[in-house]
């Protein structure tokens, strides 16, 4: 005589629930993924528009994308010379990548500029990014530097 089915598979209901939850999560994530939308510069947050106008006045914008994800919106501004800027939903820059030039000095915090000029004379900052905890910069010689939020050097990547 066989034991009841629930005795053979005591975790069947839990397992099925986990599978259903995983499928729902994957479906929702894929529905939210790749939500890039081409927009105009005028559709950027005002702060981002002002930033582009002030620091990249002579560069021609060829594409502006709004990216929606689970967290919110981000914006990518791509210039004809290959440079690009990423902004958060409030129009604050997060990443500036100057492939054909260098990051404008007015953007780089003074303590980072000072460190770079003292320790890497003649090198230019070609990329800068920031988040809540740190700043990262790439120099024209290929070296990457990471600073904490107080602009103290915490890592060097050759």
N, C-alpha and C. Protein backbone atom coordinates (compact mmCIF):
# COMPACT_ATOMS: atom_id res chain seq x y z
N UNK A 1 0.83 -1.18 0.00
CA UNK A 1 0.00 0.00 0.00
C UNK A 1 0.88 1.25 0.00
N UNK A 2 0.53 2.26 -0.84
CA UNK A 2 1.29 3.51 -0.97
C UNK A 2 0.85 4.53 0.06
N UNK A 3 1.84 5.33 0.59
CA UNK A 3 1.43 6.43 1.47
C UNK A 3 0.72 7.52 0.67
N UNK A 4 -0.04 8.36 1.33
CA UNK A 4 -0.73 9.45 0.60
C UNK A 4 0.30 10.33 -0.14
N UNK A 5 -0.14 10.90 -1.24
CA UNK A 5 0.73 11.73 -2.09
C UNK A 5 1.37 12.86 -1.31
N UNK A 6 0.68 13.50 -0.41
CA UNK A 6 1.22 14.62 0.38
C UNK A 6 2.38 14.17 1.25
N UNK A 7 2.43 12.91 1.63
CA UNK A 7 3.54 12.39 2.43
C UNK A 7 4.77 12.18 1.55
N UNK A 8 4.55 11.77 0.31
CA UNK A 8 5.68 11.56 -0.60
C UNK A 8 6.33 12.87 -1.01
N UNK A 9 5.54 13.87 -1.20
CA UNK A 9 6.04 15.16 -1.66
C UNK A 9 5.55 16.28 -0.76
N UNK A 10 6.12 16.37 0.44
CA UNK A 10 5.59 17.38 1.38
C UNK A 10 5.83 18.82 0.94
N UNK A 11 6.79 19.03 0.05
CA UNK A 11 7.10 20.41 -0.35
C UNK A 11 6.56 20.76 -1.74
N UNK A 12 5.68 19.96 -2.28
CA UNK A 12 5.16 20.17 -3.61
C UNK A 12 4.49 21.54 -3.74
N UNK A 13 3.65 21.90 -2.82
CA UNK A 13 2.95 23.19 -2.88
C UNK A 13 3.94 24.34 -2.78
N UNK A 14 4.88 24.22 -1.88
CA UNK A 14 5.91 25.26 -1.73
C UNK A 14 6.74 25.37 -3.00
N UNK A 15 7.13 24.24 -3.56
CA UNK A 15 7.92 24.21 -4.77
C UNK A 15 7.17 24.84 -5.93
N UNK A 16 5.91 24.47 -6.08
CA UNK A 16 5.09 25.05 -7.16
C UNK A 16 4.95 26.56 -6.99
N UNK A 17 4.76 27.01 -5.77
CA UNK A 17 4.64 28.45 -5.50
C UNK A 17 5.93 29.18 -5.87
N UNK A 18 7.05 28.56 -5.54
CA UNK A 18 8.34 29.18 -5.86
C UNK A 18 8.54 29.27 -7.37
N UNK A 19 8.15 28.23 -8.09
CA UNK A 19 8.26 28.23 -9.55
C UNK A 19 7.38 29.33 -10.15
N UNK A 20 6.15 29.42 -9.70
CA UNK A 20 5.23 30.45 -10.21
C UNK A 20 5.78 31.84 -9.91
N UNK A 21 6.27 32.06 -8.70
CA UNK A 21 6.84 33.36 -8.34
C UNK A 21 8.05 33.69 -9.21
N UNK A 22 8.91 32.71 -9.45
CA UNK A 22 10.08 32.93 -10.31
C UNK A 22 9.65 33.29 -11.72
N UNK A 23 8.67 32.60 -12.27
CA UNK A 23 8.19 32.90 -13.62
C UNK A 23 7.57 34.29 -13.70
N UNK A 24 6.82 34.68 -12.69
CA UNK A 24 6.23 36.02 -12.66
C UNK A 24 7.33 37.08 -12.61
N UNK A 25 8.34 36.85 -11.76
CA UNK A 25 9.45 37.80 -11.63
C UNK A 25 10.20 37.94 -12.93
N UNK A 26 10.52 36.83 -13.58
CA UNK A 26 11.23 36.86 -14.86
C UNK A 26 10.39 37.58 -15.91
N UNK A 27 9.11 37.29 -15.94
CA UNK A 27 8.23 37.95 -16.91
C UNK A 27 8.16 39.44 -16.69
N UNK A 28 8.04 39.84 -15.42
CA UNK A 28 7.98 41.27 -15.11
C UNK A 28 9.29 41.96 -15.44
N UNK A 29 10.41 41.35 -15.11
CA UNK A 29 11.72 41.94 -15.36
C UNK A 29 11.96 42.08 -16.86
N UNK A 30 11.58 41.08 -17.64
CA UNK A 30 11.78 41.18 -19.08
C UNK A 30 10.83 42.19 -19.71
N UNK A 31 9.66 42.36 -19.12
CA UNK A 31 8.74 43.37 -19.62
C UNK A 31 9.28 44.77 -19.37
N UNK A 32 10.01 44.94 -18.26
CA UNK A 32 10.56 46.25 -17.92
C UNK A 32 11.91 46.49 -18.57
N UNK A 33 12.57 45.44 -19.01
CA UNK A 33 13.91 45.58 -19.58
C UNK A 33 13.83 46.20 -20.97
N UNK A 34 14.91 46.82 -21.35
CA UNK A 34 15.05 47.38 -22.68
C UNK A 34 13.92 48.34 -23.03
N UNK A 35 13.64 49.24 -22.12
CA UNK A 35 12.63 50.25 -22.35
C UNK A 35 13.28 51.56 -22.77
N UNK A 36 14.21 51.48 -23.72
CA UNK A 36 14.84 52.69 -24.24
C UNK A 36 13.88 53.39 -25.18
N UNK A 37 13.85 54.69 -25.04
CA UNK A 37 12.98 55.50 -25.89
C UNK A 37 13.80 56.69 -26.36
N UNK A 38 13.80 56.94 -27.64
CA UNK A 38 14.51 58.10 -28.19
C UNK A 38 13.68 59.34 -27.90
N UNK A 39 14.35 60.35 -27.35
CA UNK A 39 13.68 61.62 -27.03
C UNK A 39 14.54 62.77 -27.57
N UNK A 40 14.06 63.98 -27.40
CA UNK A 40 14.83 65.16 -27.81
C UNK A 40 15.55 65.75 -26.60
N UNK A 41 16.50 66.62 -26.85
CA UNK A 41 17.22 67.30 -25.77
C UNK A 41 16.24 68.06 -24.89
N UNK A 42 15.22 68.64 -25.50
CA UNK A 42 14.25 69.43 -24.74
C UNK A 42 13.41 68.58 -23.79
N UNK A 43 13.41 67.26 -23.98
CA UNK A 43 12.68 66.36 -23.09
C UNK A 43 13.52 65.87 -21.91
N UNK A 44 14.81 66.23 -21.90
CA UNK A 44 15.66 65.92 -20.75
C UNK A 44 15.21 66.75 -19.56
N UNK A 45 15.53 66.31 -18.33
CA UNK A 45 15.28 67.20 -17.20
C UNK A 45 16.03 68.53 -17.40
N UNK A 46 15.47 69.61 -16.92
CA UNK A 46 16.04 70.95 -17.12
C UNK A 46 17.50 71.01 -16.68
N UNK A 47 17.80 70.39 -15.57
CA UNK A 47 19.18 70.40 -15.07
C UNK A 47 20.15 69.76 -16.07
N UNK A 48 19.73 68.67 -16.70
CA UNK A 48 20.57 68.01 -17.71
C UNK A 48 20.72 68.89 -18.95
N UNK A 49 19.64 69.53 -19.36
CA UNK A 49 19.71 70.45 -20.52
C UNK A 49 20.72 71.55 -20.26
N UNK A 50 20.66 72.14 -19.07
CA UNK A 50 21.57 73.22 -18.72
C UNK A 50 23.02 72.74 -18.68
N UNK A 51 23.23 71.54 -18.16
CA UNK A 51 24.56 70.96 -18.08
C UNK A 51 25.17 70.78 -19.47
N UNK A 52 24.39 70.21 -20.38
CA UNK A 52 24.86 69.99 -21.75
C UNK A 52 25.17 71.33 -22.41
N UNK A 53 24.28 72.28 -22.25
CA UNK A 53 24.47 73.59 -22.87
C UNK A 53 25.71 74.29 -22.31
N UNK A 54 25.95 74.17 -21.03
CA UNK A 54 27.07 74.87 -20.39
C UNK A 54 28.42 74.21 -20.69
N UNK A 55 28.50 72.89 -20.58
CA UNK A 55 29.79 72.22 -20.66
C UNK A 55 30.11 71.59 -22.01
N UNK A 56 29.11 71.41 -22.86
CA UNK A 56 29.32 70.77 -24.15
C UNK A 56 28.67 71.59 -25.27
N UNK A 57 28.80 72.90 -25.14
CA UNK A 57 28.15 73.85 -26.05
C UNK A 57 28.47 73.58 -27.52
N UNK A 58 29.71 73.33 -27.86
CA UNK A 58 30.10 73.18 -29.26
C UNK A 58 29.89 71.78 -29.82
N UNK A 59 29.50 70.83 -28.99
CA UNK A 59 29.33 69.45 -29.46
C UNK A 59 27.92 69.22 -29.96
N UNK A 60 27.81 68.47 -31.05
CA UNK A 60 26.51 68.20 -31.64
C UNK A 60 25.91 66.93 -31.04
N UNK A 61 24.71 67.06 -30.49
CA UNK A 61 23.98 65.91 -29.95
C UNK A 61 23.36 65.15 -31.12
N UNK A 62 23.63 63.84 -31.18
CA UNK A 62 23.05 63.03 -32.26
C UNK A 62 21.95 62.10 -31.76
N UNK A 63 21.96 61.79 -30.44
CA UNK A 63 20.94 60.89 -29.93
C UNK A 63 20.76 61.12 -28.43
N UNK A 64 19.50 61.14 -28.00
CA UNK A 64 19.17 61.21 -26.58
C UNK A 64 18.21 60.06 -26.31
N UNK A 65 18.55 59.24 -25.31
CA UNK A 65 17.70 58.10 -24.97
C UNK A 65 17.25 58.21 -23.53
N UNK A 66 15.99 57.86 -23.32
CA UNK A 66 15.44 57.72 -21.98
C UNK A 66 15.32 56.23 -21.71
N UNK A 67 15.88 55.78 -20.61
CA UNK A 67 15.84 54.37 -20.26
C UNK A 67 15.02 54.22 -18.99
N UNK A 68 13.93 53.49 -19.08
CA UNK A 68 13.09 53.23 -17.91
C UNK A 68 13.38 51.81 -17.43
N UNK A 69 13.55 51.69 -16.11
CA UNK A 69 13.70 50.36 -15.53
C UNK A 69 12.92 50.32 -14.23
N UNK A 70 13.12 49.29 -13.45
CA UNK A 70 12.36 49.13 -12.21
C UNK A 70 12.60 50.27 -11.23
N UNK A 71 13.79 50.85 -11.26
CA UNK A 71 14.16 51.90 -10.31
C UNK A 71 13.65 53.27 -10.74
N UNK A 72 13.61 53.53 -12.01
CA UNK A 72 13.19 54.84 -12.49
C UNK A 72 13.71 55.09 -13.90
N UNK A 73 14.06 56.34 -14.17
CA UNK A 73 14.53 56.73 -15.49
C UNK A 73 16.01 57.13 -15.43
N UNK A 74 16.68 56.89 -16.53
CA UNK A 74 18.03 57.40 -16.76
C UNK A 74 18.03 57.97 -18.16
N UNK A 75 19.00 58.82 -18.44
CA UNK A 75 19.10 59.43 -19.75
C UNK A 75 20.52 59.30 -20.27
N UNK A 76 20.65 59.02 -21.57
CA UNK A 76 21.94 58.97 -22.24
C UNK A 76 21.92 60.03 -23.34
N UNK A 77 22.98 60.85 -23.34
CA UNK A 77 23.15 61.85 -24.39
C UNK A 77 24.41 61.47 -25.15
N UNK A 78 24.27 61.26 -26.45
CA UNK A 78 25.40 60.83 -27.28
C UNK A 78 25.68 61.93 -28.31
N UNK A 79 26.96 62.29 -28.39
CA UNK A 79 27.40 63.36 -29.28
C UNK A 79 28.04 62.80 -30.55
N UNK A 80 28.11 63.61 -31.59
CA UNK A 80 28.66 63.16 -32.87
C UNK A 80 30.13 62.78 -32.78
N UNK A 81 30.87 63.33 -31.82
CA UNK A 81 32.29 63.01 -31.68
C UNK A 81 32.53 61.74 -30.85
N UNK A 82 31.46 61.07 -30.42
CA UNK A 82 31.58 59.83 -29.66
C UNK A 82 31.47 60.02 -28.16
N UNK A 83 31.53 61.26 -27.69
CA UNK A 83 31.37 61.51 -26.26
C UNK A 83 29.94 61.17 -25.83
N UNK A 84 29.79 60.78 -24.57
CA UNK A 84 28.43 60.58 -24.07
C UNK A 84 28.35 60.87 -22.59
N UNK A 85 27.15 61.22 -22.16
CA UNK A 85 26.87 61.56 -20.77
C UNK A 85 25.65 60.76 -20.35
N UNK A 86 25.71 60.21 -19.14
CA UNK A 86 24.55 59.56 -18.55
C UNK A 86 24.06 60.42 -17.39
N UNK A 87 22.76 60.65 -17.35
CA UNK A 87 22.12 61.42 -16.29
C UNK A 87 21.14 60.54 -15.53
N UNK A 88 20.94 60.86 -14.25
CA UNK A 88 19.90 60.16 -13.49
C UNK A 88 18.56 60.82 -13.75
N UNK A 89 17.53 60.37 -13.09
CA UNK A 89 16.17 60.88 -13.33
C UNK A 89 16.01 62.35 -12.99
N UNK A 90 16.90 62.88 -12.13
CA UNK A 90 16.82 64.30 -11.75
C UNK A 90 17.67 65.20 -12.62
N UNK A 91 18.39 64.62 -13.57
CA UNK A 91 19.25 65.42 -14.44
C UNK A 91 20.64 65.61 -13.89
N UNK A 92 21.01 64.86 -12.86
CA UNK A 92 22.38 64.89 -12.32
C UNK A 92 23.24 63.94 -13.14
N UNK A 93 24.42 64.38 -13.53
CA UNK A 93 25.28 63.49 -14.31
C UNK A 93 25.79 62.35 -13.43
N UNK A 94 25.88 61.19 -14.05
CA UNK A 94 26.41 60.00 -13.38
C UNK A 94 27.70 59.53 -14.03
N UNK A 95 27.80 59.69 -15.35
CA UNK A 95 28.94 59.18 -16.09
C UNK A 95 29.18 60.09 -17.29
N UNK A 96 30.43 60.50 -17.46
CA UNK A 96 30.81 61.32 -18.61
C UNK A 96 31.99 60.63 -19.26
N UNK A 97 31.83 60.24 -20.51
CA UNK A 97 32.87 59.53 -21.24
C UNK A 97 33.23 60.33 -22.48
N UNK A 98 34.43 60.89 -22.47
CA UNK A 98 34.89 61.72 -23.57
C UNK A 98 35.88 60.93 -24.42
N UNK A 99 35.37 60.24 -25.40
CA UNK A 99 36.19 59.37 -26.23
C UNK A 99 37.14 60.15 -27.14
N UNK A 100 36.76 61.34 -27.54
CA UNK A 100 37.58 62.08 -28.50
C UNK A 100 38.18 63.36 -27.91
N UNK A 101 37.95 63.60 -26.63
CA UNK A 101 38.49 64.81 -26.01
C UNK A 101 38.77 64.51 -24.54
N UNK A 102 38.49 65.44 -23.68
CA UNK A 102 38.68 65.22 -22.25
C UNK A 102 37.52 65.84 -21.50
N UNK A 103 37.34 65.40 -20.26
CA UNK A 103 36.25 65.91 -19.43
C UNK A 103 36.55 67.38 -19.11
N UNK A 104 35.59 68.27 -19.34
CA UNK A 104 35.82 69.68 -19.03
C UNK A 104 36.22 69.88 -17.56
N UNK A 105 37.24 70.71 -17.34
CA UNK A 105 37.76 70.95 -15.99
C UNK A 105 36.72 71.41 -15.00
N UNK A 106 35.75 72.17 -15.44
CA UNK A 106 34.74 72.71 -14.54
C UNK A 106 33.88 71.62 -13.90
N UNK A 107 33.86 70.44 -14.51
CA UNK A 107 33.05 69.34 -14.00
C UNK A 107 33.78 68.57 -12.90
N UNK A 108 35.10 68.49 -13.02
CA UNK A 108 35.90 67.66 -12.12
C UNK A 108 36.06 68.36 -10.77
N UNK A 109 35.75 67.66 -9.66
CA UNK A 109 35.94 68.27 -8.34
C UNK A 109 37.40 68.71 -8.14
N UNK A 110 37.59 69.84 -7.47
CA UNK A 110 38.92 70.42 -7.30
C UNK A 110 39.94 69.46 -6.69
N UNK A 111 39.53 68.69 -5.69
CA UNK A 111 40.47 67.78 -5.04
C UNK A 111 40.95 66.68 -5.99
N UNK A 112 40.08 66.24 -6.87
CA UNK A 112 40.49 65.24 -7.86
C UNK A 112 41.42 65.88 -8.89
N UNK A 113 41.08 67.08 -9.36
CA UNK A 113 41.97 67.79 -10.30
C UNK A 113 43.34 67.97 -9.70
N UNK A 114 43.39 68.38 -8.45
CA UNK A 114 44.65 68.61 -7.77
C UNK A 114 45.46 67.33 -7.65
N UNK A 115 44.82 66.23 -7.28
CA UNK A 115 45.52 64.95 -7.16
C UNK A 115 46.10 64.53 -8.50
N UNK A 116 45.29 64.62 -9.55
CA UNK A 116 45.74 64.20 -10.88
C UNK A 116 46.89 65.06 -11.36
N UNK A 117 46.79 66.38 -11.22
CA UNK A 117 47.88 67.25 -11.69
C UNK A 117 49.16 67.06 -10.90
N UNK A 118 49.07 66.73 -9.61
CA UNK A 118 50.25 66.51 -8.78
C UNK A 118 50.91 65.17 -9.07
N UNK A 119 50.12 64.14 -9.26
CA UNK A 119 50.65 62.79 -9.39
C UNK A 119 50.76 62.27 -10.82
N UNK A 120 50.03 62.86 -11.72
CA UNK A 120 50.05 62.45 -13.12
C UNK A 120 50.15 63.68 -14.02
N UNK A 121 51.25 64.42 -13.93
CA UNK A 121 51.38 65.66 -14.71
C UNK A 121 51.21 65.41 -16.20
N UNK A 122 50.47 66.27 -16.84
CA UNK A 122 50.25 66.18 -18.27
C UNK A 122 49.14 65.23 -18.68
N UNK A 123 48.60 64.45 -17.74
CA UNK A 123 47.53 63.51 -18.08
C UNK A 123 46.18 64.23 -17.99
N UNK A 124 45.29 63.83 -18.87
CA UNK A 124 43.94 64.40 -18.90
C UNK A 124 42.94 63.38 -18.41
N UNK A 125 41.86 63.85 -17.84
CA UNK A 125 40.76 62.98 -17.44
C UNK A 125 39.84 62.82 -18.65
N UNK A 126 39.70 61.56 -19.09
CA UNK A 126 38.87 61.31 -20.27
C UNK A 126 37.52 60.70 -19.90
N UNK A 127 37.39 60.26 -18.65
CA UNK A 127 36.11 59.71 -18.20
C UNK A 127 35.99 59.95 -16.70
N UNK A 128 34.77 60.28 -16.27
CA UNK A 128 34.50 60.43 -14.85
C UNK A 128 33.11 59.86 -14.58
N UNK A 129 32.98 59.16 -13.48
CA UNK A 129 31.66 58.68 -13.07
C UNK A 129 31.55 58.82 -11.56
N UNK A 130 30.32 58.84 -11.10
CA UNK A 130 30.10 58.98 -9.67
C UNK A 130 28.82 58.27 -9.27
N UNK A 131 28.83 57.86 -8.01
CA UNK A 131 27.62 57.35 -7.38
C UNK A 131 27.61 57.89 -5.96
N UNK A 132 26.79 57.34 -5.10
CA UNK A 132 26.68 57.88 -3.74
C UNK A 132 27.94 57.71 -2.91
N UNK A 133 28.74 56.71 -3.25
CA UNK A 133 29.90 56.38 -2.42
C UNK A 133 31.24 56.84 -2.98
N UNK A 134 31.35 56.93 -4.32
CA UNK A 134 32.67 57.20 -4.87
C UNK A 134 32.63 57.83 -6.25
N UNK A 135 33.82 58.33 -6.62
CA UNK A 135 34.07 58.87 -7.95
C UNK A 135 35.10 57.98 -8.62
N UNK A 136 34.95 57.79 -9.91
CA UNK A 136 35.96 57.07 -10.68
C UNK A 136 36.40 57.96 -11.83
N UNK A 137 37.70 57.97 -12.11
CA UNK A 137 38.21 58.71 -13.26
C UNK A 137 39.15 57.82 -14.05
N UNK A 138 39.13 57.97 -15.36
CA UNK A 138 40.08 57.32 -16.25
C UNK A 138 40.94 58.41 -16.84
N UNK A 139 42.25 58.18 -16.84
CA UNK A 139 43.20 59.16 -17.36
C UNK A 139 43.60 58.80 -18.79
N UNK A 140 44.16 59.77 -19.48
CA UNK A 140 44.56 59.57 -20.87
C UNK A 140 45.67 58.54 -21.03
N UNK A 141 46.36 58.16 -19.96
CA UNK A 141 47.39 57.13 -20.03
C UNK A 141 46.84 55.73 -19.73
N UNK A 142 45.53 55.61 -19.54
CA UNK A 142 44.90 54.32 -19.32
C UNK A 142 44.73 53.94 -17.85
N UNK A 143 45.23 54.75 -16.94
CA UNK A 143 45.10 54.45 -15.52
C UNK A 143 43.73 54.90 -15.02
N UNK A 144 43.13 54.07 -14.18
CA UNK A 144 41.85 54.40 -13.56
C UNK A 144 42.06 54.66 -12.08
N UNK A 145 41.45 55.71 -11.58
CA UNK A 145 41.56 56.08 -10.17
C UNK A 145 40.16 56.08 -9.55
N UNK A 146 40.08 55.63 -8.31
CA UNK A 146 38.81 55.64 -7.59
C UNK A 146 39.00 56.42 -6.30
N UNK A 147 38.08 57.35 -6.05
CA UNK A 147 38.11 58.20 -4.87
C UNK A 147 36.83 57.96 -4.06
N UNK A 148 36.94 58.05 -2.75
CA UNK A 148 35.73 57.96 -1.93
C UNK A 148 34.98 59.29 -1.99
N UNK A 149 33.87 59.38 -1.28
CA UNK A 149 33.04 60.60 -1.36
C UNK A 149 33.74 61.82 -0.77
N UNK A 150 34.82 61.60 0.01
CA UNK A 150 35.61 62.72 0.54
C UNK A 150 36.84 63.00 -0.32
N UNK A 151 36.87 62.39 -1.50
CA UNK A 151 37.93 62.57 -2.50
C UNK A 151 39.28 62.03 -2.05
N UNK A 152 39.25 61.00 -1.22
CA UNK A 152 40.46 60.30 -0.82
C UNK A 152 40.66 59.14 -1.79
N UNK A 153 41.86 58.99 -2.33
CA UNK A 153 42.15 57.90 -3.26
C UNK A 153 41.99 56.55 -2.55
N UNK A 154 41.20 55.65 -3.16
CA UNK A 154 41.00 54.33 -2.54
C UNK A 154 41.40 53.18 -3.46
N UNK A 155 41.65 53.46 -4.77
CA UNK A 155 42.05 52.39 -5.65
C UNK A 155 42.69 52.96 -6.92
N UNK A 156 43.63 52.19 -7.47
CA UNK A 156 44.27 52.52 -8.74
C UNK A 156 44.18 51.27 -9.60
N UNK A 157 43.73 51.44 -10.84
CA UNK A 157 43.63 50.32 -11.77
C UNK A 157 44.51 50.63 -12.97
N UNK A 158 45.54 49.80 -13.15
CA UNK A 158 46.46 50.02 -14.29
C UNK A 158 45.85 49.42 -15.51
